[in-house]
Amino acid sequence: MLVLLDLDDTLCNTWEAGKYTILRLLPYLLKKRKFKALFYILTSRYRDLEQIRELHLMDLDKILEKAMKKVYSHIPQNELDEMFGLVDRVFFSNLKLFPDAKPFLEELKNMGAKIVLITDSSSYWQRKKLEYLGIKEYFDSVVISGETGYSKFELHNFILAKKLFPEESEIYMVGDRDETDMKGGKAIGAVTILVNRGYFRGRGAENADYVVRNLMEALEVIKHEHKADLAKG
């Protein structure tokens, strides 16, 4: 059995931590009289960045820099550095595993599953999250867009994850985003399980075989499918 897992908003509260970070950033921007940046954040214009493929390979500080440069033609490096420091401190002080994450991972290990993390962002940012959250030991392999040069909008990382364990024909993809996690999983023949929480909650489930509310429900799906797979011989 091979289980492919997303990280952000599947195992941990990335969007919630991001919201706290934005709230802490607002007083800073007000103090610095960055009113255009305030307007940019308060009107959620940052959502336009979702579809920019290169952002899925970047650190959060690089994303912040790109967002600020969409607003200002020039912003002093020292102000960017101040913002980066604030963002890093506040984000990680609010980043938490979902309560069901470790029980889910431990039960998968008990079932003998190979677990591969497929995640978008830079190598530094995602590996720092794994260290901070204390879960890196659960994964048999980690595929990060910033290391491969391909985001989950493309099939490359899903194919790569499957090739890492060619003997495993029973494959599951568990994630929170339909257009990346579910679509990629479907393309490699995985049973796709959409966890309906976080930033992309309620966005649609065209490529999902199952839609669940949390990881324990996802685990039940995997157990059910695994039992059916064993019955087929």
Foldseek 3Di string as FASTA:
>chain_A
DAEEEEPDFFFKQQQVLVVQLVVVVLVVCVVVVVVQVNVCVVVVVLVVVVPVFVQQQADPLVSVVVSVCVRDVDDDPVSSVVSVVSSVVSSLVPMATDPCNVVLLVVCVVVVYAYEYEGTYHPVRVVVVCVSHVPPVSHPYYHYCNVVVGHLLDLVSVVVSCVVCVVDPAYEFEEADQNGRLVNCVVVPYQYEHAQDHPCHPVDHPRHPYYHPHSVVVSVVVVVVVVVVVVVD
